[in-house]
Amino acid sequence: MVDSSYFNRSSADNIKYPLITDKATRLLENNQYSFIVNPHSDKITIKAAIEYLFNVKVIKVNTCHLPKKKRRVGKYVGWKSHYKKAIVTLSEGDTINLFAEN
């Protein structure tokens, strides 16, 4: 686990939501999970927040900033804001249940 000096309760707010796309579901086979995170958070706080929230062991965190994109609705043109994506690799045997079972 990460040293507790890197983590405080507000660090958990850096994780916004999991990203569920075709590529992200293919990465689940390699025990890698994708999350949308706060654009100002760094890898150490992302690792600490994932380990705290889901009680798992994180091996590696890869991040990338995705650019803003132009979107149209009819004749109106707008922008989809940019965001930061984190791909988290978990240790063997650890899993995160992203899909709720009813």
N, C-alpha and C. Protein backbone atom coordinates (compact mmCIF):
# COMPACT_ATOMS: atom_id res chain seq x y z
N MET A 1 0.82 -1.19 0.00
CA MET A 1 0.00 0.00 0.00
C MET A 1 0.87 1.25 0.00
N VAL A 2 0.27 2.35 -0.38
CA VAL A 2 0.97 3.63 -0.46
C VAL A 2 1.08 4.23 0.93
N ASP A 3 2.18 4.94 1.16
CA ASP A 3 2.39 5.62 2.42
C ASP A 3 1.22 6.57 2.69
N SER A 4 0.74 6.58 3.92
CA SER A 4 -0.46 7.36 4.25
C SER A 4 -0.21 8.86 4.19
N SER A 5 1.05 9.29 4.14
CA SER A 5 1.31 10.73 4.06
C SER A 5 0.88 11.30 2.71
N TYR A 6 0.76 10.44 1.68
CA TYR A 6 0.32 10.89 0.37
C TYR A 6 -1.19 10.98 0.26
N PHE A 7 -1.91 10.42 1.22
CA PHE A 7 -3.36 10.30 1.08
C PHE A 7 -4.08 11.03 2.19
N ASN A 8 -5.10 11.76 1.81
CA ASN A 8 -6.07 12.26 2.76
C ASN A 8 -7.45 12.03 2.16
N ARG A 9 -8.47 12.26 2.89
CA ARG A 9 -9.83 11.92 2.43
C ARG A 9 -10.21 12.66 1.16
N SER A 10 -9.73 13.88 1.00
CA SER A 10 -10.07 14.63 -0.21
C SER A 10 -9.37 14.06 -1.44
N SER A 11 -8.36 13.22 -1.27
CA SER A 11 -7.71 12.59 -2.42
C SER A 11 -8.65 11.64 -3.14
N ALA A 12 -9.62 11.09 -2.44
CA ALA A 12 -10.58 10.19 -3.07
C ALA A 12 -11.46 10.94 -4.06
N ASP A 13 -11.55 12.26 -3.92
CA ASP A 13 -12.35 13.05 -4.85
C ASP A 13 -11.65 13.22 -6.20
N ASN A 14 -10.39 12.82 -6.29
CA ASN A 14 -9.69 12.90 -7.57
C ASN A 14 -10.23 11.90 -8.58
N ILE A 15 -10.80 10.80 -8.12
CA ILE A 15 -11.37 9.79 -9.01
C ILE A 15 -12.81 10.19 -9.28
N LYS A 16 -13.14 10.47 -10.56
CA LYS A 16 -14.49 10.92 -10.89
C LYS A 16 -15.42 9.74 -11.16
N TYR A 17 -15.08 8.92 -12.17
CA TYR A 17 -15.90 7.77 -12.50
C TYR A 17 -15.11 6.81 -13.37
N PRO A 18 -15.52 5.52 -13.41
CA PRO A 18 -14.83 4.58 -14.30
C PRO A 18 -15.23 4.81 -15.75
N LEU A 19 -14.32 4.53 -16.66
CA LEU A 19 -14.55 4.70 -18.08
C LEU A 19 -14.90 3.34 -18.67
N ILE A 20 -16.09 3.24 -19.26
CA ILE A 20 -16.55 1.98 -19.85
C ILE A 20 -16.64 2.18 -21.36
N THR A 21 -15.63 1.73 -22.08
CA THR A 21 -15.62 1.78 -23.54
C THR A 21 -15.19 0.41 -24.05
N ASP A 22 -15.14 0.26 -25.37
CA ASP A 22 -14.71 -1.02 -25.94
C ASP A 22 -13.27 -1.34 -25.55
N LYS A 23 -12.41 -0.35 -25.66
CA LYS A 23 -11.01 -0.57 -25.30
C LYS A 23 -10.86 -0.85 -23.82
N ALA A 24 -11.62 -0.15 -22.99
CA ALA A 24 -11.52 -0.34 -21.54
C ALA A 24 -11.98 -1.73 -21.13
N THR A 25 -13.00 -2.26 -21.79
CA THR A 25 -13.45 -3.62 -21.45
C THR A 25 -12.45 -4.67 -21.94
N ARG A 26 -11.73 -4.39 -23.03
CA ARG A 26 -10.67 -5.31 -23.46
C ARG A 26 -9.51 -5.29 -22.47
N LEU A 27 -9.24 -4.13 -21.88
CA LEU A 27 -8.16 -4.03 -20.90
C LEU A 27 -8.47 -4.76 -19.60
N LEU A 28 -9.75 -5.01 -19.32
CA LEU A 28 -10.12 -5.73 -18.11
C LEU A 28 -9.53 -7.13 -18.09
N GLU A 29 -9.30 -7.72 -19.27
CA GLU A 29 -8.70 -9.05 -19.34
C GLU A 29 -7.26 -9.04 -18.83
N ASN A 30 -6.58 -7.90 -18.95
CA ASN A 30 -5.20 -7.75 -18.47
C ASN A 30 -5.15 -7.18 -17.05
N ASN A 31 -6.29 -7.14 -16.39
CA ASN A 31 -6.41 -6.61 -15.03
C ASN A 31 -6.05 -5.12 -14.98
N GLN A 32 -6.47 -4.38 -16.03
CA GLN A 32 -6.27 -2.94 -16.09
C GLN A 32 -7.63 -2.26 -16.13
N TYR A 33 -7.78 -1.20 -15.34
CA TYR A 33 -9.05 -0.50 -15.21
C TYR A 33 -8.84 0.97 -15.58
N SER A 34 -9.81 1.56 -16.29
CA SER A 34 -9.72 2.95 -16.74
C SER A 34 -10.66 3.83 -15.92
N PHE A 35 -10.15 4.99 -15.53
CA PHE A 35 -10.92 5.94 -14.74
C PHE A 35 -10.71 7.34 -15.31
N ILE A 36 -11.75 8.17 -15.22
CA ILE A 36 -11.62 9.60 -15.47
C ILE A 36 -11.27 10.24 -14.14
N VAL A 37 -10.20 11.04 -14.14
CA VAL A 37 -9.71 11.63 -12.90
C VAL A 37 -9.61 13.14 -13.04
N ASN A 38 -9.37 13.80 -11.94
CA ASN A 38 -9.17 15.24 -11.91
C ASN A 38 -7.92 15.59 -12.74
N PRO A 39 -7.99 16.56 -13.65
CA PRO A 39 -6.83 16.88 -14.49
C PRO A 39 -5.60 17.35 -13.72
N HIS A 40 -5.74 17.78 -12.48
CA HIS A 40 -4.61 18.27 -11.70
C HIS A 40 -4.03 17.22 -10.77
N SER A 41 -4.57 16.01 -10.75
CA SER A 41 -4.06 14.98 -9.85
C SER A 41 -2.86 14.28 -10.47
N ASP A 42 -1.97 13.79 -9.61
CA ASP A 42 -0.80 13.09 -10.10
C ASP A 42 -0.93 11.59 -9.84
N LYS A 43 0.05 10.82 -10.32
CA LYS A 43 -0.04 9.37 -10.27
C LYS A 43 -0.03 8.84 -8.84
N ILE A 44 0.69 9.49 -7.96
CA ILE A 44 0.80 9.01 -6.58
C ILE A 44 -0.54 9.13 -5.87
N THR A 45 -1.23 10.26 -6.04
CA THR A 45 -2.53 10.41 -5.38
C THR A 45 -3.60 9.54 -6.04
N ILE A 46 -3.49 9.30 -7.36
CA ILE A 46 -4.43 8.39 -8.02
C ILE A 46 -4.25 6.97 -7.48
N LYS A 47 -3.02 6.54 -7.33
CA LYS A 47 -2.74 5.21 -6.78
C LYS A 47 -3.26 5.07 -5.36
N ALA A 48 -3.01 6.09 -4.54
CA ALA A 48 -3.47 6.04 -3.14
C ALA A 48 -4.99 6.02 -3.07
N ALA A 49 -5.66 6.79 -3.93
CA ALA A 49 -7.12 6.83 -3.89
C ALA A 49 -7.73 5.51 -4.34
N ILE A 50 -7.19 4.88 -5.38
CA ILE A 50 -7.71 3.59 -5.85
C ILE A 50 -7.50 2.51 -4.80
N GLU A 51 -6.32 2.50 -4.17
CA GLU A 51 -6.06 1.51 -3.13
C GLU A 51 -6.96 1.72 -1.92
N TYR A 52 -7.27 2.95 -1.59
CA TYR A 52 -8.14 3.23 -0.45
C TYR A 52 -9.60 2.90 -0.76
N LEU A 53 -10.09 3.30 -1.93
CA LEU A 53 -11.51 3.13 -2.24
C LEU A 53 -11.89 1.68 -2.51
N PHE A 54 -11.02 0.93 -3.19
CA PHE A 54 -11.38 -0.41 -3.61
C PHE A 54 -10.62 -1.51 -2.88
N ASN A 55 -9.72 -1.16 -1.97
CA ASN A 55 -8.97 -2.12 -1.16
C ASN A 55 -8.24 -3.13 -2.05
N VAL A 56 -7.46 -2.63 -3.00
CA VAL A 56 -6.68 -3.45 -3.92
C VAL A 56 -5.24 -2.96 -3.92
N LYS A 57 -4.35 -3.74 -4.53
CA LYS A 57 -2.94 -3.36 -4.67
C LYS A 57 -2.69 -2.91 -6.10
N VAL A 58 -2.26 -1.66 -6.27
CA VAL A 58 -2.00 -1.09 -7.59
C VAL A 58 -0.52 -1.26 -7.92
N ILE A 59 -0.25 -1.80 -9.11
CA ILE A 59 1.13 -1.98 -9.56
C ILE A 59 1.60 -0.76 -10.34
N LYS A 60 0.78 -0.28 -11.28
CA LYS A 60 1.20 0.78 -12.17
C LYS A 60 0.03 1.69 -12.51
N VAL A 61 0.31 2.97 -12.73
CA VAL A 61 -0.69 3.95 -13.15
C VAL A 61 -0.18 4.66 -14.39
N ASN A 62 -0.93 4.61 -15.49
CA ASN A 62 -0.61 5.35 -16.70
C ASN A 62 -1.68 6.43 -16.87
N THR A 63 -1.25 7.65 -17.20
CA THR A 63 -2.20 8.75 -17.37
C THR A 63 -1.98 9.43 -18.71
N CYS A 64 -3.04 10.06 -19.21
CA CYS A 64 -2.93 10.88 -20.42
C CYS A 64 -4.01 11.96 -20.37
N HIS A 65 -3.66 13.12 -20.93
CA HIS A 65 -4.60 14.22 -21.07
C HIS A 65 -5.23 14.11 -22.45
N LEU A 66 -6.54 14.05 -22.51
CA LEU A 66 -7.24 13.98 -23.78
C LEU A 66 -7.75 15.37 -24.14
N PRO A 67 -7.63 15.78 -25.40
CA PRO A 67 -7.95 17.16 -25.79
C PRO A 67 -9.46 17.39 -25.85
N LYS A 68 -9.82 18.69 -25.84
CA LYS A 68 -11.23 19.01 -26.03
C LYS A 68 -11.61 18.77 -27.48
N LYS A 69 -12.88 18.42 -27.72
CA LYS A 69 -13.32 18.06 -29.06
C LYS A 69 -14.55 18.88 -29.43
N LYS A 70 -14.69 19.15 -30.70
CA LYS A 70 -15.83 19.91 -31.19
C LYS A 70 -17.03 18.97 -31.37
N ARG A 71 -18.18 19.38 -30.88
CA ARG A 71 -19.41 18.60 -31.01
C ARG A 71 -20.51 19.52 -31.53
N ARG A 72 -21.40 18.97 -32.35
CA ARG A 72 -22.53 19.76 -32.83
C ARG A 72 -23.84 19.09 -32.46
N VAL A 73 -24.81 19.91 -32.20
CA VAL A 73 -26.19 19.48 -32.01
C VAL A 73 -27.02 20.35 -32.94
N GLY A 74 -27.37 19.79 -34.09
CA GLY A 74 -28.07 20.59 -35.10
C GLY A 74 -27.14 21.64 -35.66
N LYS A 75 -27.60 22.88 -35.63
CA LYS A 75 -26.76 23.96 -36.15
C LYS A 75 -25.85 24.57 -35.09
N TYR A 76 -25.95 24.13 -33.86
CA TYR A 76 -25.17 24.68 -32.77
C TYR A 76 -23.88 23.90 -32.59
N VAL A 77 -22.78 24.62 -32.50
CA VAL A 77 -21.47 24.01 -32.32
C VAL A 77 -20.99 24.31 -30.91
N GLY A 78 -20.49 23.28 -30.24
CA GLY A 78 -19.96 23.46 -28.90
C GLY A 78 -18.71 22.63 -28.73
N TRP A 79 -18.18 22.63 -27.54
CA TRP A 79 -16.97 21.91 -27.23
C TRP A 79 -17.20 20.95 -26.08
N LYS A 80 -16.68 19.75 -26.21
CA LYS A 80 -16.63 18.78 -25.12
C LYS A 80 -15.32 19.03 -24.40
N SER A 81 -15.37 19.27 -23.10
CA SER A 81 -14.19 19.68 -22.35
C SER A 81 -13.13 18.58 -22.33
N HIS A 82 -11.89 18.98 -22.13
CA HIS A 82 -10.81 18.01 -22.05
C HIS A 82 -10.84 17.35 -20.69
N TYR A 83 -10.24 16.15 -20.58
CA TYR A 83 -10.23 15.42 -19.33
C TYR A 83 -8.96 14.59 -19.25
N LYS A 84 -8.73 14.02 -18.10
CA LYS A 84 -7.55 13.19 -17.87
C LYS A 84 -8.01 11.77 -17.61
N LYS A 85 -7.37 10.82 -18.28
CA LYS A 85 -7.71 9.41 -18.14
C LYS A 85 -6.56 8.70 -17.45
N ALA A 86 -6.89 7.81 -16.52
CA ALA A 86 -5.88 7.01 -15.83
C ALA A 86 -6.19 5.54 -16.06
N ILE A 87 -5.18 4.80 -16.51
CA ILE A 87 -5.30 3.35 -16.66
C ILE A 87 -4.49 2.72 -15.54
N VAL A 88 -5.19 1.99 -14.66
CA VAL A 88 -4.59 1.45 -13.44
C VAL A 88 -4.42 -0.05 -13.60
N THR A 89 -3.21 -0.54 -13.37
CA THR A 89 -2.93 -1.97 -13.42
C THR A 89 -2.90 -2.51 -12.00
N LEU A 90 -3.70 -3.54 -11.75
CA LEU A 90 -3.78 -4.14 -10.42
C LEU A 90 -2.91 -5.38 -10.34
N SER A 91 -2.57 -5.76 -9.12
CA SER A 91 -1.78 -6.97 -8.92
C SER A 91 -2.64 -8.20 -9.21
N GLU A 92 -1.96 -9.30 -9.42
CA GLU A 92 -2.64 -10.56 -9.76
C GLU A 92 -3.56 -10.97 -8.61
N GLY A 93 -4.79 -11.30 -8.93
CA GLY A 93 -5.76 -11.73 -7.92
C GLY A 93 -6.68 -10.64 -7.42
N ASP A 94 -6.33 -9.38 -7.63
CA ASP A 94 -7.19 -8.27 -7.22
C ASP A 94 -8.12 -7.88 -8.37
N THR A 95 -9.36 -7.58 -8.05
CA THR A 95 -10.33 -7.13 -9.05
C THR A 95 -11.17 -6.01 -8.48
N ILE A 96 -11.77 -5.24 -9.37
CA ILE A 96 -12.72 -4.19 -9.02
C ILE A 96 -14.02 -4.53 -9.74
N ASN A 97 -15.12 -4.59 -9.00
CA ASN A 97 -16.41 -4.90 -9.61
C ASN A 97 -17.04 -3.60 -10.11
N LEU A 98 -16.97 -3.37 -11.42
CA LEU A 98 -17.52 -2.15 -12.01
C LEU A 98 -18.98 -2.31 -12.38
N PHE A 99 -19.42 -3.54 -12.60
CA PHE A 99 -20.79 -3.78 -13.05
C PHE A 99 -21.58 -4.35 -11.88
N ALA A 100 -22.57 -3.60 -11.42
CA ALA A 100 -23.40 -4.03 -10.30
C ALA A 100 -24.31 -5.17 -10.70
N GLU A 101 -24.44 -6.13 -9.83
CA GLU A 101 -25.32 -7.27 -10.08
C GLU A 101 -26.64 -7.03 -9.37
N ASN A 102 -27.74 -7.16 -10.10
CA ASN A 102 -29.05 -6.94 -9.49
C ASN A 102 -29.68 -8.22 -9.05
